[in-house]
Amino acid sequence: MWIFIISLLLFCILILNIFVYFLWIKLDSLEENIIVLFKKRNNQVVSIFQVSKLYLGKTDEIFKEFFDLKRKDFWENSFNTNLNNKLNTYKKIHNEINFVFKVCEKNNKMLLNPIFLYLKDSILDKSNEIWKNMSLFNKIKKEYNLYKKISKFTIVWLIIK
């Protein structure tokens, strides 16, 4: 009887650890997906820079901070920085994109340009998708941290026994 109970307990611990492992893989995959979406969105802003040159003066000044942040993001990508460390840079880039949109929307000719409108919609769609994925990522990460603690506790308990 005791063998059955111990076997069942070990099986449950094994299943829990496998579940935690797969949750970790899901989080890692979601994190990579979010970073790719950020890259795609940020790369489209360069096209807005090209379009805005036709309609706006001082485009270099308007986009200066964005390009500085983009260089910082490129540097962080070269060191395979994780999402948590890059999030501050991404938030600043997001604010710069909002600033660029506000400046561009003040020019009526720019608002009539179909390329600008398409790029703007595409960027907004990607931003929406990013924040949905971020919400899911945070939710899964919260659960993962809980299960990871339980998993570590069970393994430590087995070693002590």
C-alpha atoms as a PDB file:
ATOM      1  CA  MET A   1       0.000   0.000   0.000  1.00  0.00           C
ATOM      2  CA  TRP A   2       2.775   2.448   0.917  1.00  0.00           C
ATOM      3  CA  ILE A   3       4.552   1.700  -2.309  1.00  0.00           C
ATOM      4  CA  PHE A   4       1.448   2.622  -4.241  1.00  0.00           C
ATOM      5  CA  ILE A   5       1.052   5.921  -2.347  1.00  0.00           C
ATOM      6  CA  ILE A   6       4.726   6.819  -2.776  1.00  0.00           C
ATOM      7  CA  SER A   7       4.588   5.891  -6.463  1.00  0.00           C
ATOM      8  CA  LEU A   8       1.496   8.022  -6.940  1.00  0.00           C
ATOM      9  CA  LEU A   9       3.118  10.917  -5.134  1.00  0.00           C
ATOM     10  CA  LEU A  10       6.268  10.644  -7.250  1.00  0.00           C
ATOM     11  CA  PHE A  11       4.155  10.452 -10.378  1.00  0.00           C
ATOM     12  CA  CYS A  12       2.276  13.634  -9.399  1.00  0.00           C
ATOM     13  CA  ILE A  13       5.551  15.426  -8.704  1.00  0.00           C
ATOM     14  CA  LEU A  14       6.891  14.295 -12.061  1.00  0.00           C
ATOM     15  CA  ILE A  15       3.754  15.502 -13.857  1.00  0.00           C
ATOM     16  CA  LEU A  16       3.948  18.850 -12.065  1.00  0.00           C
ATOM     17  CA  ASN A  17       7.574  19.302 -13.101  1.00  0.00           C
ATOM     18  CA  ILE A  18       6.799  18.381 -16.700  1.00  0.00           C
ATOM     19  CA  PHE A  19       3.937  20.869 -16.673  1.00  0.00           C
ATOM     20  CA  VAL A  20       6.241  23.594 -15.322  1.00  0.00           C
ATOM     21  CA  TYR A  21       8.764  22.787 -18.028  1.00  0.00           C
ATOM     22  CA  PHE A  22       6.175  23.106 -20.799  1.00  0.00           C
ATOM     23  CA  LEU A  23       4.902  26.328 -19.262  1.00  0.00           C
ATOM     24  CA  TRP A  24       8.464  27.656 -19.347  1.00  0.00           C
ATOM     25  CA  ILE A  25       8.735  26.713 -23.040  1.00  0.00           C
ATOM     26  CA  LYS A  26       5.434  28.501 -23.730  1.00  0.00           C
ATOM     27  CA  LEU A  27       6.684  31.621 -21.935  1.00  0.00           C
ATOM     28  CA  ASP A  28       9.942  31.575 -23.856  1.00  0.00           C
ATOM     29  CA  SER A  29       8.114  31.215 -27.162  1.00  0.00           C
ATOM     30  CA  LEU A  30       5.694  34.000 -26.298  1.00  0.00           C
ATOM     31  CA  GLU A  31       8.576  36.251 -25.283  1.00  0.00           C
ATOM     32  CA  GLU A  32      10.311  35.677 -28.627  1.00  0.00           C
ATOM     33  CA  ASN A  33       7.057  36.375 -30.452  1.00  0.00           C
ATOM     34  CA  ILE A  34       6.599  39.662 -28.583  1.00  0.00           C
ATOM     35  CA  ILE A  35      10.139  40.760 -29.394  1.00  0.00           C
ATOM     36  CA  VAL A  36       9.602  39.936 -33.086  1.00  0.00           C
ATOM     37  CA  LEU A  37       6.384  41.981 -33.098  1.00  0.00           C
ATOM     38  CA  PHE A  38       8.205  44.912 -31.501  1.00  0.00           C
ATOM     39  CA  LYS A  39      10.912  44.692 -34.170  1.00  0.00           C
ATOM     40  CA  LYS A  40       8.386  44.572 -37.007  1.00  0.00           C
ATOM     41  CA  ARG A  41       6.470  47.523 -35.619  1.00  0.00           C
ATOM     42  CA  ASN A  42       9.567  49.602 -35.005  1.00  0.00           C
ATOM     43  CA  ASN A  43      10.937  48.869 -38.469  1.00  0.00           C
ATOM     44  CA  GLN A  44       7.763  50.248 -40.053  1.00  0.00           C
ATOM     45  CA  VAL A  45       8.367  53.624 -38.434  1.00  0.00           C
ATOM     46  CA  VAL A  46      11.410  54.007 -40.698  1.00  0.00           C
ATOM     47  CA  SER A  47       9.000  53.957 -43.658  1.00  0.00           C
ATOM     48  CA  ILE A  48       6.960  56.713 -42.019  1.00  0.00           C
ATOM     49  CA  PHE A  49      10.185  58.693 -41.748  1.00  0.00           C
ATOM     50  CA  GLN A  50      10.676  58.361 -45.521  1.00  0.00           C
ATOM     51  CA  VAL A  51       7.080  59.374 -46.279  1.00  0.00           C
ATOM     52  CA  SER A  52       7.162  62.294 -43.860  1.00  0.00           C
ATOM     53  CA  LYS A  53      10.219  63.789 -45.573  1.00  0.00           C
ATOM     54  CA  LEU A  54       7.882  64.812 -48.404  1.00  0.00           C
ATOM     55  CA  TYR A  55       5.496  66.706 -46.130  1.00  0.00           C
ATOM     56  CA  LEU A  56       7.272  67.758 -42.943  1.00  0.00           C
ATOM     57  CA  GLY A  57      10.202  70.005 -42.245  1.00  0.00           C
ATOM     58  CA  LYS A  58      12.822  69.043 -39.681  1.00  0.00           C
ATOM     59  CA  THR A  59      12.094  65.322 -39.932  1.00  0.00           C
ATOM     60  CA  ASP A  60      15.575  64.586 -38.608  1.00  0.00           C
ATOM     61  CA  GLU A  61      14.742  66.407 -35.387  1.00  0.00           C
ATOM     62  CA  ILE A  62      11.304  64.783 -35.102  1.00  0.00           C
ATOM     63  CA  PHE A  63      12.695  61.258 -35.492  1.00  0.00           C
ATOM     64  CA  LYS A  64      16.027  61.796 -33.683  1.00  0.00           C
ATOM     65  CA  GLU A  65      14.968  60.286 -30.352  1.00  0.00           C
ATOM     66  CA  PHE A  66      13.253  57.374 -32.103  1.00  0.00           C
ATOM     67  CA  PHE A  67      16.409  56.499 -34.036  1.00  0.00           C
ATOM     68  CA  ASP A  68      18.535  56.807 -30.896  1.00  0.00           C
ATOM     69  CA  LEU A  69      16.225  54.364 -29.125  1.00  0.00           C
ATOM     70  CA  LYS A  70      16.232  52.098 -32.176  1.00  0.00           C
ATOM     71  CA  ARG A  71      20.042  51.976 -32.027  1.00  0.00           C
ATOM     72  CA  LYS A  72      19.821  51.109 -28.332  1.00  0.00           C
ATOM     73  CA  ASP A  73      17.335  48.350 -29.161  1.00  0.00           C
ATOM     74  CA  PHE A  74      19.679  47.030 -31.854  1.00  0.00           C
ATOM     75  CA  TRP A  75      22.517  46.978 -29.341  1.00  0.00           C
ATOM     76  CA  GLU A  76      20.339  45.103 -26.826  1.00  0.00           C
ATOM     77  CA  ASN A  77      19.351  42.601 -29.531  1.00  0.00           C
ATOM     78  CA  SER A  78      22.988  41.864 -30.277  1.00  0.00           C
ATOM     79  CA  PHE A  79      23.404  40.694 -26.671  1.00  0.00           C
ATOM     80  CA  ASN A  80      20.179  38.642 -26.681  1.00  0.00           C
ATOM     81  CA  THR A  81      18.702  40.661 -23.863  1.00  0.00           C
ATOM     82  CA  ASN A  82      15.460  39.222 -22.496  1.00  0.00           C
ATOM     83  CA  LEU A  83      12.110  40.959 -22.695  1.00  0.00           C
ATOM     84  CA  ASN A  84      12.088  42.269 -19.126  1.00  0.00           C
ATOM     85  CA  ASN A  85      15.338  44.139 -19.704  1.00  0.00           C
ATOM     86  CA  LYS A  86      14.195  45.500 -23.066  1.00  0.00           C
ATOM     87  CA  LEU A  87      10.755  46.567 -21.907  1.00  0.00           C
ATOM     88  CA  ASN A  88      11.896  49.993 -20.746  1.00  0.00           C
ATOM     89  CA  THR A  89      13.394  50.719 -24.176  1.00  0.00           C
ATOM     90  CA  TYR A  90      10.251  49.452 -25.891  1.00  0.00           C
ATOM     91  CA  LYS A  91       8.049  51.698 -23.761  1.00  0.00           C
ATOM     92  CA  LYS A  92      10.179  54.705 -24.708  1.00  0.00           C
ATOM     93  CA  ILE A  93       9.998  53.734 -28.382  1.00  0.00           C
ATOM     94  CA  HIS A  94       6.225  53.403 -28.041  1.00  0.00           C
ATOM     95  CA  ASN A  95       6.047  56.944 -26.640  1.00  0.00           C
ATOM     96  CA  GLU A  96       8.200  58.221 -29.512  1.00  0.00           C
ATOM     97  CA  ILE A  97       5.932  56.529 -32.040  1.00  0.00           C
ATOM     98  CA  ASN A  98       2.958  58.294 -30.441  1.00  0.00           C
ATOM     99  CA  PHE A  99       4.847  61.595 -30.692  1.00  0.00           C
ATOM    100  CA  VAL A 100       5.631  60.970 -34.371  1.00  0.00           C
ATOM    101  CA  PHE A 101       1.973  60.203 -35.073  1.00  0.00           C
ATOM    102  CA  LYS A 102       0.855  63.417 -33.341  1.00  0.00           C
ATOM    103  CA  VAL A 103       3.287  65.494 -35.382  1.00  0.00           C
ATOM    104  CA  CYS A 104       2.330  63.770 -38.639  1.00  0.00           C
ATOM    105  CA  GLU A 105      -1.397  64.132 -37.973  1.00  0.00           C
ATOM    106  CA  LYS A 106      -1.043  67.906 -37.681  1.00  0.00           C
ATOM    107  CA  ASN A 107      -0.174  68.005 -41.387  1.00  0.00           C
ATOM    108  CA  ASN A 108      -3.343  67.678 -43.481  1.00  0.00           C
ATOM    109  CA  LYS A 109      -1.444  66.545 -46.586  1.00  0.00           C
ATOM    110  CA  MET A 110       0.134  63.758 -44.608  1.00  0.00           C
ATOM    111  CA  LEU A 111      -3.307  62.547 -43.524  1.00  0.00           C
ATOM    112  CA  LEU A 112      -4.292  62.194 -47.187  1.00  0.00           C
ATOM    113  CA  ASN A 113      -1.276  60.046 -48.042  1.00  0.00           C
ATOM    114  CA  PRO A 114      -2.440  56.418 -48.385  1.00  0.00           C
ATOM    115  CA  ILE A 115       1.022  55.044 -47.607  1.00  0.00           C
ATOM    116  CA  PHE A 116       1.117  56.906 -44.297  1.00  0.00           C
ATOM    117  CA  LEU A 117      -2.410  55.770 -43.438  1.00  0.00           C
ATOM    118  CA  TYR A 118      -1.574  52.159 -44.261  1.00  0.00           C
ATOM    119  CA  LEU A 119       1.627  52.245 -42.196  1.00  0.00           C
ATOM    120  CA  LYS A 120      -0.138  53.914 -39.301  1.00  0.00           C
ATOM    121  CA  ASP A 121      -2.899  51.274 -39.283  1.00  0.00           C
ATOM    122  CA  SER A 122      -0.350  48.486 -39.536  1.00  0.00           C
ATOM    123  CA  ILE A 123       1.696  49.895 -36.650  1.00  0.00           C
ATOM    124  CA  LEU A 124      -1.413  50.333 -34.515  1.00  0.00           C
ATOM    125  CA  ASP A 125      -2.484  46.755 -35.273  1.00  0.00           C
ATOM    126  CA  LYS A 126       0.919  45.437 -34.275  1.00  0.00           C
ATOM    127  CA  SER A 127       0.853  47.538 -31.103  1.00  0.00           C
ATOM    128  CA  ASN A 128      -2.537  46.113 -30.222  1.00  0.00           C
ATOM    129  CA  GLU A 129      -1.275  42.584 -30.830  1.00  0.00           C
ATOM    130  CA  ILE A 130       1.836  43.288 -28.744  1.00  0.00           C
ATOM    131  CA  TRP A 131      -0.172  44.451 -25.748  1.00  0.00           C
ATOM    132  CA  LYS A 132      -2.530  41.486 -25.996  1.00  0.00           C
ATOM    133  CA  ASN A 133       0.460  39.148 -26.027  1.00  0.00           C
ATOM    134  CA  MET A 134       2.044  41.072 -23.152  1.00  0.00           C
ATOM    135  CA  SER A 135      -1.120  40.631 -21.127  1.00  0.00           C
ATOM    136  CA  LEU A 136      -1.110  36.896 -21.833  1.00  0.00           C
ATOM    137  CA  PHE A 137       2.623  36.726 -21.096  1.00  0.00           C
ATOM    138  CA  ASN A 138       2.187  38.398 -17.704  1.00  0.00           C
ATOM    139  CA  LYS A 139      -0.710  36.130 -16.824  1.00  0.00           C
ATOM    140  CA  ILE A 140       1.198  32.975 -17.745  1.00  0.00           C
ATOM    141  CA  LYS A 141       4.335  34.208 -16.010  1.00  0.00           C
ATOM    142  CA  LYS A 142       2.411  34.755 -12.794  1.00  0.00           C
ATOM    143  CA  GLU A 143       1.116  31.180 -12.901  1.00  0.00           C
ATOM    144  CA  TYR A 144       4.519  29.881 -13.916  1.00  0.00           C
ATOM    145  CA  ASN A 145       6.192  31.507 -10.928  1.00  0.00           C
ATOM    146  CA  LEU A 146       3.653  29.942  -8.588  1.00  0.00           C
ATOM    147  CA  TYR A 147       4.021  26.464 -10.081  1.00  0.00           C
ATOM    148  CA  LYS A 148       7.784  26.835 -10.180  1.00  0.00           C
ATOM    149  CA  LYS A 149       7.865  27.535  -6.439  1.00  0.00           C
ATOM    150  CA  ILE A 150       5.662  24.519  -5.781  1.00  0.00           C
ATOM    151  CA  SER A 151       7.841  22.406  -8.043  1.00  0.00           C
ATOM    152  CA  LYS A 152      11.031  23.454  -6.280  1.00  0.00           C
ATOM    153  CA  PHE A 153       9.438  22.782  -2.921  1.00  0.00           C
ATOM    154  CA  THR A 154       8.450  19.262  -3.933  1.00  0.00           C
ATOM    155  CA  ILE A 155      11.908  18.473  -5.262  1.00  0.00           C
ATOM    156  CA  VAL A 156      13.582  19.814  -2.122  1.00  0.00           C
ATOM    157  CA  TRP A 157      11.143  17.846  -0.002  1.00  0.00           C
ATOM    158  CA  LEU A 158      12.071  14.636  -1.870  1.00  0.00           C
ATOM    159  CA  ILE A 159      15.770  15.263  -1.398  1.00  0.00           C
ATOM    160  CA  ILE A 160      15.381  15.939   2.323  1.00  0.00           C
ATOM    161  CA  LYS A 161      13.315  12.803   2.862  1.00  0.00           C
END
